[in-house]
Amino acid sequence: MPSTMLKVKVDRSGLLALHDQVAAEIRRAIAEGEAGPGDRLPLAKDLAAVLGVNKNTVLRAFHVLRDEGLLDFARGRGVT
């Protein structure tokens, strides 16, 4: 299953931490139907490259969303 490329953006001059911005953008994409149940998200390194942030920033956002129950990490399937 190919990954879904999300339309996400970050504001480096914003007060919100970058990983919180990434998490908020992924939440928005889910709410607006850009990413649905079972859709695979882009690799953290790919999303980081598009956003111009460190891969660890994206991974931190993914972990926040996993802890909220919005994302699932599965070996061999990536992040859904």
PDB file of N, CA and C in Angstrom:
ATOM      1  N   MET A   1       0.850  -1.177   0.000  1.00  0.00           N
ATOM      2  CA  MET A   1       0.000   0.000   0.000  1.00  0.00           C
ATOM      3  C   MET A   1       0.895   1.240   0.000  1.00  0.00           C
ATOM      4  N   PRO A   2       0.738   2.142  -0.963  1.00  0.00           N
ATOM      5  CA  PRO A   2       1.567   3.344  -0.996  1.00  0.00           C
ATOM      6  C   PRO A   2       1.195   4.276   0.155  1.00  0.00           C
ATOM      7  N   SER A   3       2.153   5.124   0.529  1.00  0.00           N
ATOM      8  CA  SER A   3       1.860   6.057   1.614  1.00  0.00           C
ATOM      9  C   SER A   3       1.113   7.271   1.082  1.00  0.00           C
ATOM     10  N   THR A   4       0.385   7.906   1.976  1.00  0.00           N
ATOM     11  CA  THR A   4      -0.374   9.098   1.669  1.00  0.00           C
ATOM     12  C   THR A   4       0.512  10.305   1.937  1.00  0.00           C
ATOM     13  N   MET A   5       0.732  11.158   0.928  1.00  0.00           N
ATOM     14  CA  MET A   5       1.518  12.363   1.190  1.00  0.00           C
ATOM     15  C   MET A   5       0.550  13.422   1.702  1.00  0.00           C
ATOM     16  N   LEU A   6       0.836  13.920   2.873  1.00  0.00           N
ATOM     17  CA  LEU A   6      -0.032  14.888   3.518  1.00  0.00           C
ATOM     18  C   LEU A   6       0.379  16.304   3.147  1.00  0.00           C
ATOM     19  N   LYS A   7      -0.603  17.197   3.152  1.00  0.00           N
ATOM     20  CA  LYS A   7      -0.313  18.612   2.925  1.00  0.00           C
ATOM     21  C   LYS A   7      -0.104  19.253   4.292  1.00  0.00           C
ATOM     22  N   VAL A   8       1.124  19.211   4.777  1.00  0.00           N
ATOM     23  CA  VAL A   8       1.424  19.759   6.089  1.00  0.00           C
ATOM     24  C   VAL A   8       2.440  20.880   5.969  1.00  0.00           C
ATOM     25  N   LYS A   9       2.389  21.786   6.913  1.00  0.00           N
ATOM     26  CA  LYS A   9       3.340  22.895   6.910  1.00  0.00           C
ATOM     27  C   LYS A   9       3.650  23.274   8.349  1.00  0.00           C
ATOM     28  N   VAL A  10       4.812  23.897   8.546  1.00  0.00           N
ATOM     29  CA  VAL A  10       5.192  24.379   9.868  1.00  0.00           C
ATOM     30  C   VAL A  10       5.580  25.848   9.751  1.00  0.00           C
ATOM     31  N   ASP A  11       5.444  26.560  10.868  1.00  0.00           N
ATOM     32  CA  ASP A  11       5.788  27.980  10.937  1.00  0.00           C
ATOM     33  C   ASP A  11       6.945  28.128  11.918  1.00  0.00           C
ATOM     34  N   ARG A  12       8.141  28.310  11.367  1.00  0.00           N
ATOM     35  CA  ARG A  12       9.330  28.396  12.226  1.00  0.00           C
ATOM     36  C   ARG A  12       9.280  29.601  13.157  1.00  0.00           C
ATOM     37  N   SER A  13       8.524  30.631  12.799  1.00  0.00           N
ATOM     38  CA  SER A  13       8.445  31.821  13.653  1.00  0.00           C
ATOM     39  C   SER A  13       7.316  31.689  14.687  1.00  0.00           C
ATOM     40  N   GLY A  14       6.576  30.594  14.613  1.00  0.00           N
ATOM     41  CA  GLY A  14       5.470  30.388  15.546  1.00  0.00           C
ATOM     42  C   GLY A  14       5.958  30.056  16.948  1.00  0.00           C
ATOM     43  N   LEU A  15       5.056  30.225  17.901  1.00  0.00           N
ATOM     44  CA  LEU A  15       5.394  29.955  19.293  1.00  0.00           C
ATOM     45  C   LEU A  15       5.324  28.469  19.622  1.00  0.00           C
ATOM     46  N   LEU A  16       4.538  27.726  18.847  1.00  0.00           N
ATOM     47  CA  LEU A  16       4.349  26.300  19.100  1.00  0.00           C
ATOM     48  C   LEU A  16       5.583  25.519  18.651  1.00  0.00           C
ATOM     49  N   ALA A  17       6.028  24.559  19.471  1.00  0.00           N
ATOM     50  CA  ALA A  17       7.173  23.723  19.116  1.00  0.00           C
ATOM     51  C   ALA A  17       6.918  23.027  17.778  1.00  0.00           C
ATOM     52  N   LEU A  18       7.980  22.798  17.016  1.00  0.00           N
ATOM     53  CA  LEU A  18       7.836  22.205  15.684  1.00  0.00           C
ATOM     54  C   LEU A  18       7.135  20.853  15.739  1.00  0.00           C
ATOM     55  N   HIS A  19       7.484  19.993  16.709  1.00  0.00           N
ATOM     56  CA  HIS A  19       6.841  18.678  16.749  1.00  0.00           C
ATOM     57  C   HIS A  19       5.346  18.817  17.060  1.00  0.00           C
ATOM     58  N   ASP A  20       4.976  19.818  17.856  1.00  0.00           N
ATOM     59  CA  ASP A  20       3.553  20.054  18.127  1.00  0.00           C
ATOM     60  C   ASP A  20       2.839  20.554  16.873  1.00  0.00           C
ATOM     61  N   GLN A  21       3.536  21.363  16.075  1.00  0.00           N
ATOM     62  CA  GLN A  21       2.956  21.830  14.818  1.00  0.00           C
ATOM     63  C   GLN A  21       2.744  20.668  13.850  1.00  0.00           C
ATOM     64  N   VAL A  22       3.749  19.792  13.764  1.00  0.00           N
ATOM     65  CA  VAL A  22       3.627  18.626  12.878  1.00  0.00           C
ATOM     66  C   VAL A  22       2.459  17.751  13.336  1.00  0.00           C
ATOM     67  N   ALA A  23       2.362  17.502  14.641  1.00  0.00           N
ATOM     68  CA  ALA A  23       1.262  16.700  15.177  1.00  0.00           C
ATOM     69  C   ALA A  23      -0.085  17.350  14.870  1.00  0.00           C
ATOM     70  N   ALA A  24      -0.173  18.668  15.042  1.00  0.00           N
ATOM     71  CA  ALA A  24      -1.424  19.386  14.770  1.00  0.00           C
ATOM     72  C   ALA A  24      -1.803  19.286  13.298  1.00  0.00           C
ATOM     73  N   GLU A  25      -0.818  19.366  12.409  1.00  0.00           N
ATOM     74  CA  GLU A  25      -1.087  19.269  10.973  1.00  0.00           C
ATOM     75  C   GLU A  25      -1.566  17.857  10.599  1.00  0.00           C
ATOM     76  N   ILE A  26      -0.984  16.842  11.213  1.00  0.00           N
ATOM     77  CA  ILE A  26      -1.428  15.473  10.926  1.00  0.00           C
ATOM     78  C   ILE A  26      -2.835  15.268  11.481  1.00  0.00           C
ATOM     79  N   ARG A  27      -3.127  15.801  12.679  1.00  0.00           N
ATOM     80  CA  ARG A  27      -4.491  15.735  13.228  1.00  0.00           C
ATOM     81  C   ARG A  27      -5.478  16.372  12.265  1.00  0.00           C
ATOM     82  N   ARG A  28      -5.107  17.546  11.720  1.00  0.00           N
ATOM     83  CA  ARG A  28      -5.977  18.262  10.771  1.00  0.00           C
ATOM     84  C   ARG A  28      -6.205  17.407   9.519  1.00  0.00           C
ATOM     85  N   ALA A  29      -5.132  16.818   9.012  1.00  0.00           N
ATOM     86  CA  ALA A  29      -5.241  15.991   7.805  1.00  0.00           C
ATOM     87  C   ALA A  29      -6.180  14.807   8.049  1.00  0.00           C
ATOM     88  N   ILE A  30      -6.104  14.220   9.231  1.00  0.00           N
ATOM     89  CA  ILE A  30      -6.993  13.105   9.568  1.00  0.00           C
ATOM     90  C   ILE A  30      -8.437  13.607   9.647  1.00  0.00           C
ATOM     91  N   ALA A  31      -8.634  14.733  10.334  1.00  0.00           N
ATOM     92  CA  ALA A  31      -9.981  15.292  10.507  1.00  0.00           C
ATOM     93  C   ALA A  31     -10.617  15.674   9.171  1.00  0.00           C
ATOM     94  N   GLU A  32      -9.797  16.154   8.241  1.00  0.00           N
ATOM     95  CA  GLU A  32     -10.312  16.596   6.938  1.00  0.00           C
ATOM     96  C   GLU A  32     -10.350  15.475   5.900  1.00  0.00           C
ATOM     97  N   GLY A  33      -9.968  14.267   6.297  1.00  0.00           N
ATOM     98  CA  GLY A  33     -10.057  13.131   5.391  1.00  0.00           C
ATOM     99  C   GLY A  33      -8.885  12.953   4.451  1.00  0.00           C
ATOM    100  N   GLU A  34      -7.815  13.734   4.616  1.00  0.00           N
ATOM    101  CA  GLU A  34      -6.616  13.546   3.778  1.00  0.00           C
ATOM    102  C   GLU A  34      -5.981  12.197   4.070  1.00  0.00           C
ATOM    103  N   ALA A  35      -6.095  11.749   5.315  1.00  0.00           N
ATOM    104  CA  ALA A  35      -5.568  10.456   5.732  1.00  0.00           C
ATOM    105  C   ALA A  35      -6.676   9.734   6.481  1.00  0.00           C
ATOM    106  N   GLY A  36      -6.984   8.543   6.023  1.00  0.00           N
ATOM    107  CA  GLY A  36      -8.060   7.779   6.638  1.00  0.00           C
ATOM    108  C   GLY A  36      -7.541   6.576   7.390  1.00  0.00           C
ATOM    109  N   PRO A  37      -8.438   5.862   8.043  1.00  0.00           N
ATOM    110  CA  PRO A  37      -8.048   4.664   8.795  1.00  0.00           C
ATOM    111  C   PRO A  37      -7.297   3.675   7.900  1.00  0.00           C
ATOM    112  N   GLY A  38      -6.141   3.232   8.365  1.00  0.00           N
ATOM    113  CA  GLY A  38      -5.355   2.255   7.620  1.00  0.00           C
ATOM    114  C   GLY A  38      -4.424   2.851   6.577  1.00  0.00           C
ATOM    115  N   ASP A  39      -4.564   4.147   6.275  1.00  0.00           N
ATOM    116  CA  ASP A  39      -3.648   4.777   5.321  1.00  0.00           C
ATOM    117  C   ASP A  39      -2.259   4.838   5.932  1.00  0.00           C
ATOM    118  N   ARG A  40      -1.272   4.531   5.126  1.00  0.00           N
ATOM    119  CA  ARG A  40       0.111   4.576   5.598  1.00  0.00           C
ATOM    120  C   ARG A  40       0.639   5.999   5.449  1.00  0.00           C
ATOM    121  N   LEU A  41       1.255   6.517   6.493  1.00  0.00           N
ATOM    122  CA  LEU A  41       1.847   7.846   6.441  1.00  0.00           C
ATOM    123  C   LEU A  41       3.219   7.768   5.791  1.00  0.00           C
ATOM    124  N   PRO A  42       3.696   8.906   5.289  1.00  0.00           N
ATOM    125  CA  PRO A  42       5.044   8.914   4.708  1.00  0.00           C
ATOM    126  C   PRO A  42       6.074   8.558   5.772  1.00  0.00           C
ATOM    127  N   LEU A  43       7.227   8.088   5.337  1.00  0.00           N
ATOM    128  CA  LEU A  43       8.319   7.831   6.264  1.00  0.00           C
ATOM    129  C   LEU A  43       8.693   9.137   6.948  1.00  0.00           C
ATOM    130  N   ALA A  44       9.125   9.027   8.193  1.00  0.00           N
ATOM    131  CA  ALA A  44       9.501  10.224   8.956  1.00  0.00           C
ATOM    132  C   ALA A  44      10.569  11.027   8.220  1.00  0.00           C
ATOM    133  N   LYS A  45      11.539  10.326   7.608  1.00  0.00           N
ATOM    134  CA  LYS A  45      12.613  11.054   6.920  1.00  0.00           C
ATOM    135  C   LYS A  45      12.089  11.807   5.701  1.00  0.00           C
ATOM    136  N   ASP A  46      11.083  11.232   5.019  1.00  0.00           N
ATOM    137  CA  ASP A  46      10.508  11.901   3.844  1.00  0.00           C
ATOM    138  C   ASP A  46       9.686  13.114   4.257  1.00  0.00           C
ATOM    139  N   LEU A  47       8.871  12.939   5.291  1.00  0.00           N
ATOM    140  CA  LEU A  47       8.058  14.049   5.773  1.00  0.00           C
ATOM    141  C   LEU A  47       8.953  15.161   6.322  1.00  0.00           C
ATOM    142  N   ALA A  48      10.025  14.770   7.017  1.00  0.00           N
ATOM    143  CA  ALA A  48      10.968  15.751   7.549  1.00  0.00           C
ATOM    144  C   ALA A  48      11.621  16.551   6.423  1.00  0.00           C
ATOM    145  N   ALA A  49      11.979  15.868   5.335  1.00  0.00           N
ATOM    146  CA  ALA A  49      12.615  16.542   4.200  1.00  0.00           C
ATOM    147  C   ALA A  49      11.662  17.548   3.570  1.00  0.00           C
ATOM    148  N   VAL A  50      10.396  17.176   3.420  1.00  0.00           N
ATOM    149  CA  VAL A  50       9.394  18.074   2.829  1.00  0.00           C
ATOM    150  C   VAL A  50       9.190  19.310   3.715  1.00  0.00           C
ATOM    151  N   LEU A  51       9.173  19.083   5.036  1.00  0.00           N
ATOM    152  CA  LEU A  51       8.922  20.177   5.976  1.00  0.00           C
ATOM    153  C   LEU A  51      10.174  20.984   6.315  1.00  0.00           C
ATOM    154  N   GLY A  52      11.340  20.425   6.006  1.00  0.00           N
ATOM    155  CA  GLY A  52      12.574  21.100   6.347  1.00  0.00           C
ATOM    156  C   GLY A  52      12.887  21.046   7.835  1.00  0.00           C
ATOM    157  N   VAL A  53      12.492  19.935   8.465  1.00  0.00           N
ATOM    158  CA  VAL A  53      12.767  19.752   9.891  1.00  0.00           C
ATOM    159  C   VAL A  53      13.567  18.466  10.075  1.00  0.00           C
ATOM    160  N   ASN A  54      14.049  18.260  11.280  1.00  0.00           N
ATOM    161  CA  ASN A  54      14.797  17.058  11.613  1.00  0.00           C
ATOM    162  C   ASN A  54      13.853  15.853  11.672  1.00  0.00           C
ATOM    163  N   LYS A  55      14.350  14.696  11.268  1.00  0.00           N
ATOM    164  CA  LYS A  55      13.536  13.474  11.320  1.00  0.00           C
ATOM    165  C   LYS A  55      13.016  13.213  12.733  1.00  0.00           C
ATOM    166  N   ASN A  56      13.831  13.511  13.747  1.00  0.00           N
ATOM    167  CA  ASN A  56      13.405  13.277  15.124  1.00  0.00           C
ATOM    168  C   ASN A  56      12.209  14.144  15.520  1.00  0.00           C
ATOM    169  N   THR A  57      12.074  15.310  14.892  1.00  0.00           N
ATOM    170  CA  THR A  57      10.914  16.172  15.137  1.00  0.00           C
ATOM    171  C   THR A  57       9.647  15.465  14.671  1.00  0.00           C
ATOM    172  N   VAL A  58       9.709  14.863  13.500  1.00  0.00           N
ATOM    173  CA  VAL A  58       8.560  14.131  12.961  1.00  0.00           C
ATOM    174  C   VAL A  58       8.280  12.890  13.812  1.00  0.00           C
ATOM    175  N   LEU A  59       9.327  12.178  14.190  1.00  0.00           N
ATOM    176  CA  LEU A  59       9.137  10.984  15.027  1.00  0.00           C
ATOM    177  C   LEU A  59       8.483  11.345  16.363  1.00  0.00           C
ATOM    178  N   ARG A  60       8.891  12.473  16.932  1.00  0.00           N
ATOM    179  CA  ARG A  60       8.294  12.905  18.196  1.00  0.00           C
ATOM    180  C   ARG A  60       6.800  13.190  18.003  1.00  0.00           C
ATOM    181  N   ALA A  61       6.443  13.837  16.893  1.00  0.00           N
ATOM    182  CA  ALA A  61       5.035  14.102  16.586  1.00  0.00           C
ATOM    183  C   ALA A  61       4.274  12.785  16.409  1.00  0.00           C
ATOM    184  N   PHE A  62       4.877  11.824  15.698  1.00  0.00           N
ATOM    185  CA  PHE A  62       4.238  10.517  15.505  1.00  0.00           C
ATOM    186  C   PHE A  62       3.976   9.846  16.858  1.00  0.00           C
ATOM    187  N   HIS A  63       4.928   9.941  17.783  1.00  0.00           N
ATOM    188  CA  HIS A  63       4.761   9.306  19.089  1.00  0.00           C
ATOM    189  C   HIS A  63       3.649   9.978  19.892  1.00  0.00           C
ATOM    190  N   VAL A  64       3.557  11.296  19.807  1.00  0.00           N
ATOM    191  CA  VAL A  64       2.472  12.020  20.486  1.00  0.00           C
ATOM    192  C   VAL A  64       1.129  11.522  19.960  1.00  0.00           C
ATOM    193  N   LEU A  65       1.028  11.404  18.644  1.00  0.00           N
ATOM    194  CA  LEU A  65      -0.244  10.977  18.033  1.00  0.00           C
ATOM    195  C   LEU A  65      -0.536   9.505  18.316  1.00  0.00           C
ATOM    196  N   ARG A  66       0.504   8.694  18.400  1.00  0.00           N
ATOM    197  CA  ARG A  66       0.293   7.288  18.773  1.00  0.00           C
ATOM    198  C   ARG A  66      -0.248   7.209  20.199  1.00  0.00           C
ATOM    199  N   ASP A  67       0.324   8.007  21.093  1.00  0.00           N
ATOM    200  CA  ASP A  67      -0.127   8.011  22.483  1.00  0.00           C
ATOM    201  C   ASP A  67      -1.576   8.494  22.599  1.00  0.00           C
ATOM    202  N   GLU A  68      -2.015   9.320  21.647  1.00  0.00           N
ATOM    203  CA  GLU A  68      -3.404   9.802  21.617  1.00  0.00           C
ATOM    204  C   GLU A  68      -4.341   8.780  20.962  1.00  0.00           C
ATOM    205  N   GLY A  69      -3.760   7.730  20.387  1.00  0.00           N
ATOM    206  CA  GLY A  69      -4.573   6.713  19.737  1.00  0.00           C
ATOM    207  C   GLY A  69      -4.908   7.007  18.280  1.00  0.00           C
ATOM    208  N   LEU A  70      -4.265   8.027  17.697  1.00  0.00           N
ATOM    209  CA  LEU A  70      -4.549   8.388  16.306  1.00  0.00           C
ATOM    210  C   LEU A  70      -3.690   7.630  15.304  1.00  0.00           C
ATOM    211  N   LEU A  71      -2.511   7.214  15.725  1.00  0.00           N
ATOM    212  CA  LEU A  71      -1.612   6.491  14.826  1.00  0.00           C
ATOM    213  C   LEU A  71      -1.281   5.133  15.406  1.00  0.00           C
ATOM    214  N   ASP A  72      -0.895   4.227  14.503  1.00  0.00           N
ATOM    215  CA  ASP A  72      -0.493   2.888  14.897  1.00  0.00           C
ATOM    216  C   ASP A  72       0.850   2.594  14.247  1.00  0.00           C
ATOM    217  N   PHE A  73       1.775   2.052  15.023  1.00  0.00           N
ATOM    218  CA  PHE A  73       3.092   1.663  14.506  1.00  0.00           C
ATOM    219  C   PHE A  73       3.091   0.154  14.383  1.00  0.00           C
ATOM    220  N   ALA A  74       3.385  -0.360  13.190  1.00  0.00           N
ATOM    221  CA  ALA A  74       3.435  -1.806  12.997  1.00  0.00           C
ATOM    222  C   ALA A  74       4.680  -2.155  12.186  1.00  0.00           C
ATOM    223  N   ARG A  75       5.495  -3.051  12.719  1.00  0.00           N
ATOM    224  CA  ARG A  75       6.694  -3.471  12.015  1.00  0.00           C
ATOM    225  C   ARG A  75       6.315  -4.039  10.648  1.00  0.00           C
ATOM    226  N   GLY A  76       6.977  -3.529   9.617  1.00  0.00           N
ATOM    227  CA  GLY A  76       6.705  -4.002   8.270  1.00  0.00           C
ATOM    228  C   GLY A  76       5.568  -3.265   7.570  1.00  0.00           C
ATOM    229  N   ARG A  77       4.755  -2.517   8.323  1.00  0.00           N
ATOM    230  CA  ARG A  77       3.647  -1.774   7.722  1.00  0.00           C
ATOM    231  C   ARG A  77       3.825  -0.270   7.857  1.00  0.00           C
ATOM    232  N   GLY A  78       4.773   0.137   8.675  1.00  0.00           N
ATOM    233  CA  GLY A  78       5.007   1.562   8.876  1.00  0.00           C
ATOM    234  C   GLY A  78       4.002   2.179   9.821  1.00  0.00           C
ATOM    235  N   VAL A  79       3.794   3.455   9.652  1.00  0.00           N
ATOM    236  CA  VAL A  79       2.878   4.207  10.512  1.00  0.00           C
ATOM    237  C   VAL A  79       1.556   4.383   9.780  1.00  0.00           C
ATOM    238  N   THR A  80       0.480   3.947  10.435  1.00  0.00           N
ATOM    239  CA  THR A  80      -0.854   4.087   9.829  1.00  0.00           C
ATOM    240  C   THR A  80      -1.754   4.879  10.741  1.00  0.00           C
TER     241      THR A  80
END
